[in-house]
Amino acid sequence: MSERTESGRPEISIIVPVYQVEKYLNECIDSILAQTFTDFELILVDDGSPDNCPALCDAAAKRDSRVRVIHKQNGGVSTARNAGLDAAQGNWIAFVDSDDTAAPEYLEKMHKAVLETGADFAICSSQCIDETGKTLAGGEHRLLNEFLPQEEVLRRMVVSDFQVPWNKLYRRKLLENLRYPENKAFEDTCLMPVIYARAASACGVWDFLYNYRIVTGSAMHRKTTLKTLDWVEAWYRLFDVLYQNGIRDALCAAYRPILTAVWDIWLHLTPEERKSPRMKEAFAYERTARHRLMQARGVTLKNLWAAVVCAASACSYLDLCRKRAERRQKTT
């Protein structure tokens, strides 16, 4: 697996956006360079980090020829991922966040799965680690070694595992001419439905191959502001893709977070912020989603139950999806 393809391209490009993660960056880089699959390029995108990260990136490039470094002005994680996509040469593309780590077989097992199944992307199980790298209790194997046609991929994207860019290996064509929306929070949730609408199929990998680090003060743990309303827009984009593709039985599960987010954010804003155009726009997303939910006749007892299950347990929701898929196959 160490030989370069005939075209001279690396088989896989790994894109890592880097900003103020000096404490964790070397651990992240080392986990990637230790992959059992070796035909890859590692693209470290220094997003104008003010700490020692730029020097750590350059040091990694000096010790391993597979490492490429891009230094750019700070513009946010979306601009960093987009810069990495512009530079990527691989036939397949993976993302790793710079405070996370990957298991040694992260690339090998997902690459093997996509080649064996012909899927457009692979998705593996992930687990949470704390700031010291210790695995946190409660991790679940949410993914099975399974083949998923597009309809099943779309149905499952209401689960968080399907909404993040990492823990996946993408066929290059899925990302062609696509870019992460800039100056947006929750930009990954906004783009993933667009990617899935392009994918003919996916394959799951049961193993825990990605380690997501829980860091105090990270973007997922900041106070509520008007910027948090980007979450409503991101979920509306997800809802819209389900609606446009006729996945009616998942619409309730996709509408619930729009409704709860709008009112939860509203409660945490100031009286002035509640009157803002952004707040009005968020309520408009909720009204449109509610109208479309009714128009599609997506509110049924079974679909409401699926939404409740999804809110309570992602693992249980995925099991429910599998059982429903089996029943559909038996009736066709």
Protein backbone atom coordinates (compact mmCIF):
# COMPACT_ATOMS: atom_id res chain seq x y z
CA MET A 1 0.00 0.00 0.00
CA SER A 2 2.98 2.29 -0.12
CA GLU A 3 3.23 2.62 -3.90
CA ARG A 4 1.92 5.72 -5.63
CA THR A 5 -0.78 5.23 -8.28
CA GLU A 6 0.22 5.23 -11.96
CA SER A 7 -1.10 8.78 -12.42
CA GLY A 8 1.34 10.03 -9.81
CA ARG A 9 -1.54 11.12 -7.60
CA PRO A 10 -1.66 9.99 -4.01
CA GLU A 11 -4.57 7.64 -3.54
CA ILE A 12 -5.90 9.67 -0.59
CA SER A 13 -5.65 13.32 0.42
CA ILE A 14 -6.13 14.06 4.13
CA ILE A 15 -7.07 17.66 4.91
CA VAL A 16 -6.43 19.05 8.40
CA PRO A 17 -7.45 22.66 9.19
CA VAL A 18 -5.14 24.04 11.88
CA TYR A 19 -5.84 26.88 14.30
CA GLN A 20 -4.73 27.31 17.93
CA VAL A 21 -4.30 23.61 18.67
CA GLU A 22 -0.63 23.65 19.67
CA LYS A 23 -1.37 21.31 22.57
CA TYR A 24 -2.86 18.58 20.37
CA LEU A 25 -1.46 19.07 16.88
CA ASN A 26 1.55 16.76 17.06
CA GLU A 27 -0.63 13.94 18.40
CA CYS A 28 -3.02 14.44 15.50
CA ILE A 29 -0.23 14.50 12.91
CA ASP A 30 1.52 11.48 14.40
CA SER A 31 -1.69 9.43 14.29
CA ILE A 32 -2.04 10.18 10.58
CA LEU A 33 1.60 9.48 9.71
CA ALA A 34 1.27 6.15 11.54
CA GLN A 35 -1.49 4.93 9.21
CA THR A 36 -1.17 1.36 7.92
CA PHE A 37 -2.31 2.68 4.53
CA THR A 38 0.59 4.82 3.35
CA ASP A 39 -0.31 6.12 -0.12
CA PHE A 40 -1.62 9.48 1.01
CA GLU A 41 -0.77 13.15 1.21
CA LEU A 42 -1.39 15.07 4.41
CA ILE A 43 -2.41 18.69 3.78
CA LEU A 44 -2.01 20.85 6.88
CA VAL A 45 -3.80 24.18 6.41
CA ASP A 46 -2.50 26.74 8.87
CA ASP A 47 -5.38 29.19 9.15
CA GLY A 48 -3.23 32.06 10.41
CA SER A 49 -2.78 30.40 13.80
CA PRO A 50 -1.12 32.85 16.26
CA ASP A 51 0.55 30.16 18.38
CA ASN A 52 3.31 27.68 17.52
CA CYS A 53 1.13 25.66 15.12
CA PRO A 54 2.72 27.09 11.92
CA ALA A 55 6.16 25.94 13.08
CA LEU A 56 4.81 22.51 14.06
CA CYS A 57 3.28 22.14 10.60
CA ASP A 58 6.55 23.04 8.90
CA ALA A 59 8.47 20.64 11.15
CA ALA A 60 6.12 17.81 10.16
CA ALA A 61 6.70 18.56 6.47
CA LYS A 62 10.45 18.39 6.99
CA ARG A 63 10.33 14.96 8.58
CA ASP A 64 7.84 13.34 6.14
CA SER A 65 7.62 14.06 2.41
CA ARG A 66 3.90 13.21 2.35
CA VAL A 67 3.11 16.33 4.37
CA ARG A 68 2.22 19.56 2.56
CA VAL A 69 1.64 22.82 4.41
CA ILE A 70 -0.52 25.76 3.38
CA HIS A 71 -0.12 28.99 5.35
CA LYS A 72 -3.00 31.44 4.95
CA GLN A 73 -4.58 34.40 6.68
CA ASN A 74 -7.16 33.53 9.29
CA GLY A 75 -10.59 33.08 7.75
CA GLY A 76 -12.21 30.28 9.73
CA VAL A 77 -12.39 26.51 9.43
CA SER A 78 -14.46 26.64 6.23
CA THR A 79 -11.81 28.66 4.39
CA ALA A 80 -9.15 26.25 5.64
CA ARG A 81 -11.03 23.18 4.42
CA ASN A 82 -11.71 24.90 1.11
CA ALA A 83 -8.02 25.73 0.68
CA GLY A 84 -7.25 22.08 1.34
CA LEU A 85 -9.80 20.96 -1.25
CA ASP A 86 -8.28 23.31 -3.81
CA ALA A 87 -4.84 21.75 -3.22
CA ALA A 88 -5.88 18.10 -2.85
CA GLN A 89 -4.58 15.69 -5.50
CA GLY A 90 -5.90 12.39 -4.18
CA ASN A 91 -8.49 10.11 -5.74
CA TRP A 92 -10.16 9.96 -2.34
CA ILE A 93 -10.43 12.68 0.32
CA ALA A 94 -10.62 12.52 4.11
CA PHE A 95 -10.85 15.21 6.77
CA VAL A 96 -9.38 15.13 10.25
CA ASP A 97 -9.81 17.91 12.81
CA SER A 98 -6.51 19.07 14.26
CA ASP A 99 -7.34 18.27 17.90
CA ASP A 100 -8.58 14.76 17.05
CA THR A 101 -6.74 11.53 16.26
CA ALA A 102 -7.25 8.59 13.92
CA ALA A 103 -6.73 4.91 14.63
CA PRO A 104 -3.86 3.29 12.65
CA GLU A 105 -6.31 1.51 10.32
CA TYR A 106 -8.53 4.56 9.74
CA LEU A 107 -7.63 4.89 6.06
CA GLU A 108 -6.98 1.23 5.30
CA LYS A 109 -10.33 -0.11 6.48
CA MET A 110 -12.43 2.62 4.89
CA HIS A 111 -10.48 2.42 1.62
CA LYS A 112 -10.92 -1.35 1.52
CA ALA A 113 -14.65 -0.95 2.19
CA VAL A 114 -15.27 1.51 -0.66
CA LEU A 115 -13.31 -0.60 -3.13
CA GLU A 116 -15.13 -3.79 -2.17
CA THR A 117 -18.61 -2.23 -2.28
CA GLY A 118 -18.17 0.38 -5.00
CA ALA A 119 -19.64 3.01 -2.65
CA ASP A 120 -19.03 6.73 -3.11
CA PHE A 121 -17.97 7.17 0.49
CA ALA A 122 -17.31 5.21 3.66
CA ILE A 123 -18.29 6.19 7.20
CA CYS A 124 -16.82 4.63 10.32
CA SER A 125 -17.75 4.56 13.99
CA SER A 126 -16.15 7.22 16.19
CA GLN A 127 -15.62 7.64 19.90
CA CYS A 128 -14.99 10.58 22.20
CA ILE A 129 -11.75 11.22 24.06
CA ASP A 130 -11.01 13.82 26.71
CA GLU A 131 -8.31 16.49 26.64
CA THR A 132 -5.71 13.96 27.83
CA GLY A 133 -6.59 11.48 25.08
CA LYS A 134 -8.44 9.08 27.38
CA THR A 135 -11.44 7.34 25.82
CA LEU A 136 -14.69 8.47 27.42
CA ALA A 137 -17.26 5.93 28.52
CA GLY A 138 -20.52 5.45 26.64
CA GLY A 139 -19.24 5.06 23.09
CA GLU A 140 -21.52 3.07 20.79
CA HIS A 141 -20.83 1.26 17.53
CA ARG A 142 -23.48 3.13 15.56
CA LEU A 143 -22.28 1.92 12.16
CA LEU A 144 -22.31 -1.64 10.89
CA ASN A 145 -20.33 -3.16 8.04
CA GLU A 146 -23.15 -2.44 5.61
CA PHE A 147 -23.96 -1.09 2.16
CA LEU A 148 -26.31 1.91 2.03
CA PRO A 149 -28.11 3.05 -1.15
CA GLN A 150 -28.66 6.79 -1.46
CA GLU A 151 -32.14 6.72 0.02
CA GLU A 152 -30.81 5.12 3.21
CA VAL A 153 -27.93 7.58 3.38
CA LEU A 154 -30.36 10.50 3.22
CA ARG A 155 -32.65 8.93 5.79
CA ARG A 156 -29.78 8.58 8.26
CA MET A 157 -28.29 12.05 7.95
CA VAL A 158 -30.47 13.26 10.82
CA VAL A 159 -27.92 11.45 13.03
CA SER A 160 -24.85 13.45 14.07
CA ASP A 161 -22.39 10.85 12.72
CA PHE A 162 -23.56 11.70 9.21
CA GLN A 163 -23.39 15.49 9.68
CA VAL A 164 -19.67 15.94 10.27
CA PRO A 165 -16.94 15.93 7.59
CA TRP A 166 -14.57 13.67 9.50
CA ASN A 167 -15.01 9.88 10.06
CA LYS A 168 -15.50 9.49 6.30
CA LEU A 169 -13.59 8.76 3.09
CA TYR A 170 -15.06 10.47 0.02
CA ARG A 171 -14.71 9.69 -3.65
CA ARG A 172 -13.15 12.81 -5.15
CA LYS A 173 -16.04 13.50 -7.54
CA LEU A 174 -18.45 14.01 -4.62
CA LEU A 175 -16.60 17.17 -3.60
CA GLU A 176 -15.87 18.61 -7.03
CA ASN A 177 -17.05 22.24 -7.28
CA LEU A 178 -18.38 22.09 -3.73
CA ARG A 179 -17.07 24.35 -0.98
CA TYR A 180 -17.89 24.83 2.65
CA PRO A 181 -19.98 27.98 3.24
CA GLU A 182 -17.77 30.66 4.76
CA ASN A 183 -18.56 32.90 7.72
CA LYS A 184 -21.10 30.35 8.92
CA ALA A 185 -21.27 28.27 12.07
CA PHE A 186 -22.27 24.61 11.61
CA GLU A 187 -20.96 24.79 8.06
CA ASP A 188 -20.46 21.03 7.97
CA THR A 189 -24.12 20.26 8.70
CA CYS A 190 -25.01 22.73 5.94
CA LEU A 191 -22.85 21.04 3.27
CA MET A 192 -23.20 17.35 4.10
CA PRO A 193 -26.76 16.98 2.69
CA VAL A 194 -25.53 18.41 -0.62
CA ILE A 195 -22.75 15.82 -0.71
CA TYR A 196 -25.16 13.00 0.13
CA ALA A 197 -27.56 14.08 -2.60
CA ARG A 198 -24.69 13.45 -5.04
CA ALA A 199 -23.72 10.06 -3.61
CA ALA A 200 -25.24 6.98 -5.19
CA SER A 201 -24.31 4.89 -2.16
CA ALA A 202 -22.21 4.61 0.98
CA CYS A 203 -20.76 1.87 3.13
CA GLY A 204 -20.48 1.66 6.89
CA VAL A 205 -17.45 0.45 8.82
CA TRP A 206 -18.19 -0.95 12.29
CA ASP A 207 -14.80 -0.22 13.90
CA PHE A 208 -13.99 2.77 16.12
CA LEU A 209 -11.49 4.43 13.77
CA TYR A 210 -11.84 8.11 14.67
CA ASN A 211 -11.29 9.76 18.05
CA TYR A 212 -13.17 13.02 18.60
CA ARG A 213 -11.66 15.13 21.35
CA ILE A 214 -13.96 17.01 23.72
CA VAL A 215 -12.21 20.33 24.37
CA THR A 216 -13.49 22.98 26.77
CA GLY A 217 -14.14 26.25 24.93
CA SER A 218 -14.38 24.66 21.48
CA ALA A 219 -16.84 25.93 18.85
CA MET A 220 -19.43 23.39 19.99
CA HIS A 221 -19.39 24.72 23.58
CA ARG A 222 -19.71 28.50 23.22
CA LYS A 223 -22.46 30.78 24.50
CA THR A 224 -25.61 31.42 22.48
CA THR A 225 -25.53 34.44 20.14
CA LEU A 226 -27.23 35.43 16.91
CA LYS A 227 -24.50 33.42 15.19
CA THR A 228 -25.98 30.30 16.78
CA LEU A 229 -28.99 30.77 14.51
CA ASP A 230 -26.79 29.34 11.75
CA TRP A 231 -27.75 26.01 13.34
CA VAL A 232 -31.37 26.59 12.31
CA GLU A 233 -30.35 27.36 8.74
CA ALA A 234 -28.10 24.29 8.58
CA TRP A 235 -30.90 22.01 9.74
CA TYR A 236 -33.31 23.62 7.31
CA ARG A 237 -30.88 22.82 4.46
CA LEU A 238 -30.84 19.22 5.65
CA PHE A 239 -34.63 19.14 5.90
CA ASP A 240 -34.94 20.59 2.40
CA VAL A 241 -32.77 17.88 0.85
CA LEU A 242 -34.96 15.22 2.47
CA TYR A 243 -38.09 17.00 1.23
CA GLN A 244 -36.77 17.43 -2.32
CA ASN A 245 -35.83 13.74 -2.48
CA GLY A 246 -39.17 12.49 -1.13
CA ILE A 247 -37.83 10.96 2.10
CA ARG A 248 -41.06 11.64 3.96
CA ASP A 249 -40.52 9.28 6.89
CA ALA A 250 -37.47 11.26 8.09
CA LEU A 251 -39.05 14.73 7.85
CA CYS A 252 -40.37 14.73 11.43
CA ALA A 253 -36.92 13.81 12.74
CA ALA A 254 -35.41 16.64 10.69
CA TYR A 255 -38.06 19.21 11.66
CA ARG A 256 -37.74 18.63 15.42
CA PRO A 257 -34.27 20.23 15.80
CA ILE A 258 -35.36 23.23 13.71
CA LEU A 259 -38.29 23.85 16.04
CA THR A 260 -36.39 23.24 19.28
CA ALA A 261 -33.36 25.26 18.17
CA VAL A 262 -35.41 28.32 17.18
CA TRP A 263 -37.10 28.56 20.56
CA ASP A 264 -34.08 27.53 22.64
CA ILE A 265 -31.91 30.18 20.97
CA TRP A 266 -34.71 32.78 21.26
CA LEU A 267 -34.88 32.21 25.01
CA HIS A 268 -31.13 32.87 25.36
CA LEU A 269 -31.03 36.07 23.30
CA THR A 270 -31.52 39.64 24.47
CA PRO A 271 -34.80 41.47 23.72
CA GLU A 272 -33.01 43.46 21.01
CA GLU A 273 -31.56 40.34 19.40
CA ARG A 274 -35.00 38.70 19.34
CA LYS A 275 -36.20 41.49 17.06
CA SER A 276 -33.26 41.17 14.67
CA PRO A 277 -33.61 40.26 10.96
CA ARG A 278 -31.61 37.09 11.64
CA MET A 279 -34.13 35.94 14.24
CA LYS A 280 -37.00 36.65 11.83
CA GLU A 281 -35.18 34.66 9.15
CA ALA A 282 -34.81 31.72 11.53
CA PHE A 283 -38.55 31.74 12.28
CA ALA A 284 -39.18 31.83 8.52
CA TYR A 285 -37.11 28.66 8.11
CA GLU A 286 -39.22 26.99 10.80
CA ARG A 287 -42.50 28.05 9.20
CA THR A 288 -41.43 26.86 5.76
CA ALA A 289 -40.27 23.51 7.14
CA ARG A 290 -43.54 23.08 9.05
CA HIS A 291 -45.57 23.87 5.93
CA ARG A 292 -43.59 21.41 3.85
CA LEU A 293 -43.86 18.75 6.53
CA MET A 294 -47.66 19.00 6.38
CA GLN A 295 -47.67 19.29 2.59
CA ALA A 296 -45.69 16.06 2.30
CA ARG A 297 -48.00 14.33 4.79
CA GLY A 298 -44.96 13.44 6.82
CA VAL A 299 -46.71 13.56 10.20
CA THR A 300 -47.75 10.02 11.04
CA LEU A 301 -47.57 8.06 14.27
CA LYS A 302 -44.70 5.99 12.88
CA ASN A 303 -42.77 9.04 11.77
CA LEU A 304 -43.38 10.87 15.05
CA TRP A 305 -42.14 7.80 16.88
CA ALA A 306 -39.02 7.73 14.69
CA ALA A 307 -38.37 11.38 15.58
CA VAL A 308 -38.69 10.60 19.30
CA VAL A 309 -36.34 7.63 18.94
CA CYS A 310 -33.84 9.77 17.01
CA ALA A 311 -33.86 12.44 19.73
CA ALA A 312 -33.37 9.85 22.45
CA SER A 313 -30.77 7.56 20.87
CA ALA A 314 -28.95 7.74 17.55
CA CYS A 315 -28.07 4.08 17.81
CA SER A 316 -31.74 3.10 18.28
CA TYR A 317 -32.78 5.31 15.37
CA LEU A 318 -30.25 3.65 13.07
CA ASP A 319 -31.53 0.23 14.15
CA LEU A 320 -35.05 1.42 13.37
CA CYS A 321 -33.92 2.53 9.90
CA ARG A 322 -32.41 -0.90 9.25
CA LYS A 323 -35.60 -2.68 10.28
CA ARG A 324 -37.70 -0.42 8.08
CA ALA A 325 -35.35 -1.00 5.15
CA GLU A 326 -35.66 -4.76 5.61
CA ARG A 327 -39.44 -4.53 5.57
CA ARG A 328 -39.38 -2.42 2.42
CA GLN A 329 -37.17 -4.97 0.70
CA LYS A 330 -39.55 -7.79 1.59
CA THR A 331 -42.51 -5.96 0.07
CA THR A 332 -40.76 -5.15 -3.23
